[in-house]
């Protein structure tokens, strides 16, 4: 399978994930905001901001991933967002005494450990996408140099 195809598949998976979770958070906005308010890391003061910011960021990243010109930046943003989500889930799962779930859609039905593994998988997937993107770019640069030298 070509690197470009794998990057497209990885991007599509993130678009599906982020658009699905963003829409489920927005459709059940009051529940999402209320759960964030109970979070030991976010609390009542940051919940209104976070409740809007999280789905908006997910949608913006999805748009970056959709367009080839911004795909690399979208993969970086996906990696950073998944790292942040993974640290948050890890803290809630392994440290926090109170465990409110502010996740959207079917993800909220996972156990905390399943969700943690899910997030690690998607974090690694974003890193793989970036690695493939870099490898593809280096390969195309080599081909350009090769064509210039031998033409």
Protein backbone atom coordinates (compact mmCIF):
# COMPACT_ATOMS: atom_id res chain seq x y z
CA UNK A 1 0.00 0.00 0.00
CA UNK A 2 1.31 3.44 -0.90
CA UNK A 3 2.28 5.91 1.84
CA UNK A 4 -0.16 8.45 0.43
CA UNK A 5 -3.03 5.96 0.76
CA UNK A 6 -2.09 5.17 4.36
CA UNK A 7 -1.90 8.87 5.21
CA UNK A 8 -5.33 9.36 3.61
CA UNK A 9 -6.77 6.46 5.65
CA UNK A 10 -5.27 7.77 8.90
CA UNK A 11 -6.59 11.25 8.15
CA UNK A 12 -10.04 9.85 7.37
CA UNK A 13 -10.09 7.91 10.64
CA UNK A 14 -9.30 11.08 12.58
CA UNK A 15 -11.91 13.06 10.64
CA UNK A 16 -14.52 10.42 11.51
CA UNK A 17 -13.43 10.29 15.14
CA UNK A 18 -13.32 14.06 15.68
CA UNK A 19 -16.49 14.88 13.74
CA UNK A 20 -18.39 12.10 15.52
CA UNK A 21 -17.24 13.13 19.00
CA UNK A 22 -17.67 16.86 18.31
CA UNK A 23 -21.20 16.41 17.03
CA UNK A 24 -22.22 14.17 19.94
CA UNK A 25 -20.82 16.74 22.39
CA UNK A 26 -22.68 19.56 20.67
CA UNK A 27 -25.95 17.61 20.40
CA UNK A 28 -25.87 16.87 24.11
CA UNK A 29 -24.18 20.13 25.03
CA UNK A 30 -25.71 20.69 28.48
CA UNK A 31 -24.78 17.18 29.61
CA UNK A 32 -21.25 17.63 28.24
CA UNK A 33 -20.79 20.99 29.97
CA UNK A 34 -22.22 19.65 33.22
CA UNK A 35 -19.88 16.69 33.21
CA UNK A 36 -16.89 18.93 32.50
CA UNK A 37 -17.92 21.07 35.48
CA UNK A 38 -17.62 17.97 37.70
CA UNK A 39 -14.17 17.12 36.35
CA UNK A 40 -11.37 17.51 38.91
CA UNK A 41 -9.10 19.06 36.24
CA UNK A 42 -11.58 21.42 34.57
CA UNK A 43 -14.19 22.38 37.16
CA UNK A 44 -17.09 24.80 37.05
CA UNK A 45 -15.10 27.90 36.13
CA UNK A 46 -13.53 26.45 32.95
CA UNK A 47 -16.40 24.17 31.90
CA UNK A 48 -18.32 26.73 29.78
CA UNK A 49 -15.17 27.62 27.81
CA UNK A 50 -13.99 23.99 27.47
CA UNK A 51 -17.44 22.78 26.42
CA UNK A 52 -17.29 25.03 23.36
CA UNK A 53 -13.54 24.91 22.74
CA UNK A 54 -13.15 21.11 22.60
CA UNK A 55 -15.70 20.39 19.84
CA UNK A 56 -14.64 23.49 17.88
CA UNK A 57 -11.00 22.35 17.97
CA UNK A 58 -12.04 18.85 16.87
CA UNK A 59 -13.96 20.29 13.91
CA UNK A 60 -11.08 22.61 12.94
CA UNK A 61 -8.61 19.73 13.04
CA UNK A 62 -10.97 17.66 10.89
CA UNK A 63 -11.02 20.45 8.32
CA UNK A 64 -7.21 20.64 8.34
CA UNK A 65 -7.02 16.88 7.76
CA UNK A 66 -9.54 17.05 4.92
CA UNK A 67 -7.47 19.38 2.76
CA UNK A 68 -4.12 18.05 1.47
CA UNK A 69 -2.37 21.43 1.89
CA UNK A 70 -3.09 21.50 5.64
CA UNK A 71 -2.98 17.75 6.30
CA UNK A 72 0.48 17.79 7.89
CA UNK A 73 -0.58 20.52 10.31
CA UNK A 74 -3.79 18.55 10.98
CA UNK A 75 -1.78 15.44 11.83
CA UNK A 76 0.36 17.46 14.24
CA UNK A 77 -2.77 18.95 15.81
CA UNK A 78 -4.30 15.46 16.06
CA UNK A 79 -1.18 14.17 17.79
CA UNK A 80 -1.15 17.02 20.33
CA UNK A 81 -4.89 16.76 20.98
CA UNK A 82 -4.70 12.99 21.45
CA UNK A 83 -1.74 13.39 23.81
CA UNK A 84 -3.75 15.91 25.84
CA UNK A 85 -6.83 13.66 25.87
CA UNK A 86 -4.69 10.65 26.82
CA UNK A 87 -3.11 12.48 29.76
CA UNK A 88 -6.57 13.66 30.86
CA UNK A 89 -8.05 10.14 30.62
CA UNK A 90 -4.98 8.67 32.35
CA UNK A 91 -5.33 11.13 35.21
CA UNK A 92 -9.05 10.47 35.57
CA UNK A 93 -8.62 6.69 35.27
CA UNK A 94 -5.63 6.20 37.55
CA UNK A 95 -5.43 9.19 39.91
CA UNK A 96 -8.71 11.06 40.32
CA UNK A 97 -11.04 9.97 43.12
CA UNK A 98 -14.13 11.08 41.14
CA UNK A 99 -14.50 9.91 37.53
CA UNK A 100 -17.06 11.89 35.51
CA UNK A 101 -17.14 10.97 31.81
CA UNK A 102 -17.48 13.91 29.44
CA UNK A 103 -16.87 11.86 26.32
CA UNK A 104 -19.20 11.88 23.37
CA UNK A 105 -21.14 9.12 21.63
CA UNK A 106 -20.32 5.45 22.11
CA UNK A 107 -16.92 6.30 23.60
CA UNK A 108 -18.65 7.20 26.86
CA UNK A 109 -19.65 3.53 27.20
CA UNK A 110 -16.02 2.37 27.38
CA UNK A 111 -14.37 1.72 30.70
CA UNK A 112 -11.67 4.20 31.66
CA UNK A 113 -8.94 1.67 30.89
CA UNK A 114 -10.49 0.84 27.50
CA UNK A 115 -10.71 4.54 26.75
CA UNK A 116 -7.08 5.00 27.79
CA UNK A 117 -5.97 2.22 25.40
CA UNK A 118 -8.21 3.66 22.66
CA UNK A 119 -6.51 7.05 23.08
CA UNK A 120 -3.03 5.53 23.07
CA UNK A 121 -3.91 3.74 19.82
CA UNK A 122 -5.04 6.98 18.17
CA UNK A 123 -2.01 8.86 19.52
CA UNK A 124 0.26 6.25 17.93
CA UNK A 125 -1.81 6.43 14.74
CA UNK A 126 -1.22 10.20 14.52
CA UNK A 127 2.52 9.65 15.07
CA UNK A 128 2.51 6.99 12.33
CA UNK A 129 0.75 9.40 9.97
CA UNK A 130 3.38 12.06 10.62
CA UNK A 131 6.21 9.58 10.16
CA UNK A 132 4.73 8.39 6.84
CA UNK A 133 4.18 11.99 5.74
CA UNK A 134 7.82 12.83 6.48
CA UNK A 135 9.06 9.69 4.76
CA UNK A 136 6.92 10.44 1.70
CA UNK A 137 8.22 14.01 1.58
CA UNK A 138 11.85 12.90 1.81
CA UNK A 139 11.29 10.36 -0.92
CA UNK A 140 9.72 12.93 -3.25
CA UNK A 141 12.61 15.33 -2.58
CA UNK A 142 15.09 12.57 -3.51
CA UNK A 143 13.19 11.94 -6.74
CA UNK A 144 13.25 15.65 -7.58
CA UNK A 145 17.02 15.82 -7.02
CA UNK A 146 17.48 12.63 -9.03
CA UNK A 147 15.45 14.08 -11.93
CA UNK A 148 17.37 17.38 -11.88
CA UNK A 149 20.76 15.66 -11.82
CA UNK A 150 19.96 13.19 -14.62
CA UNK A 151 17.98 15.41 -17.00
